[in-house]
């Protein structure tokens, strides 16, 4: 059975997390945020499941 992976573009990740672009890249550098996936020569995306998991961790830690 194939699992369904939804990819989110940067604008969707910004909207979903409330973070700014610079914060996302800073967190990624510090390994505090899911890594992006290269989907084209100049395109990246994130796995929605990993973003949801990151949000849930933040909720659990508050």
N, C-alpha and C. Protein backbone atom coordinates (compact mmCIF):
# COMPACT_ATOMS: atom_id res chain seq x y z
N UNK A 1 0.85 -1.19 0.00
CA UNK A 1 0.00 0.00 0.00
C UNK A 1 0.89 1.25 0.00
N UNK A 2 0.71 2.11 -0.96
CA UNK A 2 1.52 3.33 -1.06
C UNK A 2 1.00 4.38 -0.08
N UNK A 3 1.94 5.00 0.62
CA UNK A 3 1.51 6.06 1.53
C UNK A 3 1.43 7.38 0.76
N UNK A 4 0.52 8.23 1.18
CA UNK A 4 0.29 9.49 0.50
C UNK A 4 1.08 10.59 1.20
N UNK A 5 2.00 11.20 0.46
CA UNK A 5 2.79 12.30 1.02
C UNK A 5 2.39 13.59 0.32
N UNK A 6 1.91 14.54 1.11
CA UNK A 6 1.55 15.84 0.54
C UNK A 6 2.72 16.78 0.73
N UNK A 7 3.09 17.46 -0.34
CA UNK A 7 4.19 18.41 -0.28
C UNK A 7 3.63 19.83 -0.17
N UNK A 8 4.24 20.61 0.69
CA UNK A 8 3.85 22.00 0.86
C UNK A 8 4.95 22.90 0.33
N UNK A 9 4.56 23.93 -0.41
CA UNK A 9 5.52 24.93 -0.87
C UNK A 9 5.76 25.93 0.25
N UNK A 10 6.77 26.76 0.09
CA UNK A 10 7.17 27.70 1.14
C UNK A 10 6.00 28.56 1.62
N UNK A 11 5.22 29.11 0.69
CA UNK A 11 4.10 29.98 1.09
C UNK A 11 3.11 29.24 1.99
N UNK A 12 2.88 27.96 1.69
CA UNK A 12 1.97 27.16 2.51
C UNK A 12 2.56 26.88 3.89
N UNK A 13 3.88 26.64 3.94
CA UNK A 13 4.55 26.39 5.21
C UNK A 13 4.52 27.66 6.07
N UNK A 14 4.76 28.81 5.45
CA UNK A 14 4.71 30.09 6.17
C UNK A 14 3.32 30.29 6.76
N UNK A 15 2.31 30.03 5.95
CA UNK A 15 0.92 30.20 6.38
C UNK A 15 0.57 29.24 7.51
N UNK A 16 1.00 28.00 7.38
CA UNK A 16 0.64 26.97 8.35
C UNK A 16 1.35 27.14 9.69
N UNK A 17 2.62 27.61 9.66
CA UNK A 17 3.40 27.70 10.89
C UNK A 17 3.36 29.10 11.52
N UNK A 18 3.08 30.11 10.72
CA UNK A 18 3.14 31.48 11.22
C UNK A 18 4.55 32.02 11.31
N UNK A 19 5.52 31.25 10.80
CA UNK A 19 6.92 31.69 10.83
C UNK A 19 7.21 32.56 9.61
N UNK A 20 8.31 33.30 9.71
CA UNK A 20 8.81 34.05 8.56
C UNK A 20 9.81 33.15 7.83
N UNK A 21 10.03 33.47 6.54
CA UNK A 21 10.96 32.70 5.71
C UNK A 21 12.33 32.58 6.37
N UNK A 22 12.85 33.71 6.88
CA UNK A 22 14.18 33.70 7.49
C UNK A 22 14.24 32.80 8.73
N UNK A 23 13.13 32.76 9.50
CA UNK A 23 13.09 31.90 10.69
C UNK A 23 13.13 30.43 10.29
N UNK A 24 12.40 30.09 9.24
CA UNK A 24 12.37 28.69 8.79
C UNK A 24 13.77 28.24 8.39
N UNK A 25 14.47 29.05 7.60
CA UNK A 25 15.81 28.66 7.16
C UNK A 25 16.81 28.65 8.31
N UNK A 26 16.64 29.57 9.26
CA UNK A 26 17.50 29.59 10.44
C UNK A 26 17.26 28.32 11.28
N UNK A 27 16.00 27.96 11.50
CA UNK A 27 15.66 26.74 12.25
C UNK A 27 16.17 25.49 11.54
N UNK A 28 16.09 25.47 10.19
CA UNK A 28 16.58 24.32 9.43
C UNK A 28 18.08 24.17 9.63
N UNK A 29 18.80 25.29 9.61
CA UNK A 29 20.25 25.27 9.80
C UNK A 29 20.61 24.72 11.18
N UNK A 30 19.78 25.05 12.18
CA UNK A 30 19.99 24.57 13.55
C UNK A 30 19.38 23.19 13.79
N UNK A 31 18.83 22.59 12.73
CA UNK A 31 18.15 21.29 12.80
C UNK A 31 16.99 21.31 13.79
N UNK A 32 16.29 22.45 13.82
CA UNK A 32 15.11 22.62 14.68
C UNK A 32 13.82 22.60 13.85
N UNK A 33 13.94 22.32 12.57
CA UNK A 33 12.79 22.36 11.67
C UNK A 33 13.00 21.33 10.58
N UNK A 34 11.92 20.71 10.07
CA UNK A 34 12.08 19.70 9.01
C UNK A 34 12.84 20.24 7.80
N UNK A 35 13.67 19.40 7.23
CA UNK A 35 14.43 19.79 6.05
C UNK A 35 13.52 19.82 4.82
N UNK A 36 13.84 20.75 3.92
CA UNK A 36 13.08 20.83 2.68
C UNK A 36 13.55 19.74 1.72
N UNK A 37 12.74 19.47 0.71
CA UNK A 37 13.02 18.47 -0.31
C UNK A 37 13.13 19.20 -1.64
N UNK A 38 14.21 18.96 -2.36
CA UNK A 38 14.37 19.60 -3.66
C UNK A 38 13.44 18.90 -4.66
N UNK A 39 12.54 19.68 -5.25
CA UNK A 39 11.58 19.08 -6.20
C UNK A 39 11.79 19.58 -7.63
N UNK A 40 12.75 20.47 -7.79
CA UNK A 40 13.05 21.00 -9.12
C UNK A 40 14.33 21.82 -9.04
N UNK A 41 14.80 22.34 -10.18
CA UNK A 41 16.06 23.10 -10.20
C UNK A 41 16.08 24.25 -9.20
N UNK A 42 14.96 24.92 -9.03
CA UNK A 42 14.92 26.04 -8.08
C UNK A 42 13.67 25.96 -7.20
N UNK A 43 13.20 24.75 -6.96
CA UNK A 43 11.99 24.56 -6.17
C UNK A 43 12.24 23.60 -5.02
N UNK A 44 11.73 23.97 -3.87
CA UNK A 44 11.77 23.07 -2.72
C UNK A 44 10.37 22.98 -2.12
N UNK A 45 10.16 21.92 -1.35
CA UNK A 45 8.89 21.73 -0.66
C UNK A 45 9.18 20.99 0.64
N UNK A 46 8.18 20.94 1.48
CA UNK A 46 8.29 20.24 2.76
C UNK A 46 7.18 19.20 2.83
N UNK A 47 7.45 18.10 3.53
CA UNK A 47 6.42 17.09 3.75
C UNK A 47 5.43 17.63 4.77
N UNK A 48 4.16 17.64 4.41
CA UNK A 48 3.14 18.15 5.32
C UNK A 48 3.13 17.39 6.64
N UNK A 49 3.34 16.07 6.58
CA UNK A 49 3.34 15.27 7.81
C UNK A 49 4.45 15.71 8.76
N UNK A 50 5.61 16.09 8.22
CA UNK A 50 6.71 16.56 9.07
C UNK A 50 6.42 17.94 9.66
N UNK A 51 5.76 18.78 8.89
CA UNK A 51 5.37 20.11 9.40
C UNK A 51 4.33 19.94 10.51
N UNK A 52 3.35 19.06 10.29
CA UNK A 52 2.33 18.79 11.32
C UNK A 52 2.98 18.27 12.60
N UNK A 53 3.95 17.39 12.45
CA UNK A 53 4.65 16.81 13.59
C UNK A 53 5.41 17.91 14.36
N UNK A 54 6.05 18.81 13.61
CA UNK A 54 6.78 19.93 14.23
C UNK A 54 5.82 20.81 15.03
N UNK A 55 4.65 21.11 14.44
CA UNK A 55 3.64 21.93 15.13
C UNK A 55 3.17 21.21 16.40
N UNK A 56 2.92 19.92 16.30
CA UNK A 56 2.47 19.14 17.47
C UNK A 56 3.51 19.14 18.59
N UNK A 57 4.79 19.05 18.22
CA UNK A 57 5.86 19.10 19.23
C UNK A 57 5.84 20.45 19.94
N UNK A 58 5.65 21.54 19.19
CA UNK A 58 5.59 22.87 19.78
C UNK A 58 4.41 22.97 20.75
N UNK A 59 3.28 22.41 20.35
CA UNK A 59 2.09 22.44 21.23
C UNK A 59 2.32 21.64 22.50
N UNK A 60 2.99 20.50 22.36
CA UNK A 60 3.24 19.64 23.52
C UNK A 60 4.25 20.25 24.48
N UNK A 61 5.12 21.14 23.97
CA UNK A 61 6.17 21.73 24.81
C UNK A 61 5.77 23.03 25.48
N UNK A 62 4.57 23.52 25.19
CA UNK A 62 4.23 24.83 25.74
C UNK A 62 3.80 24.75 27.19
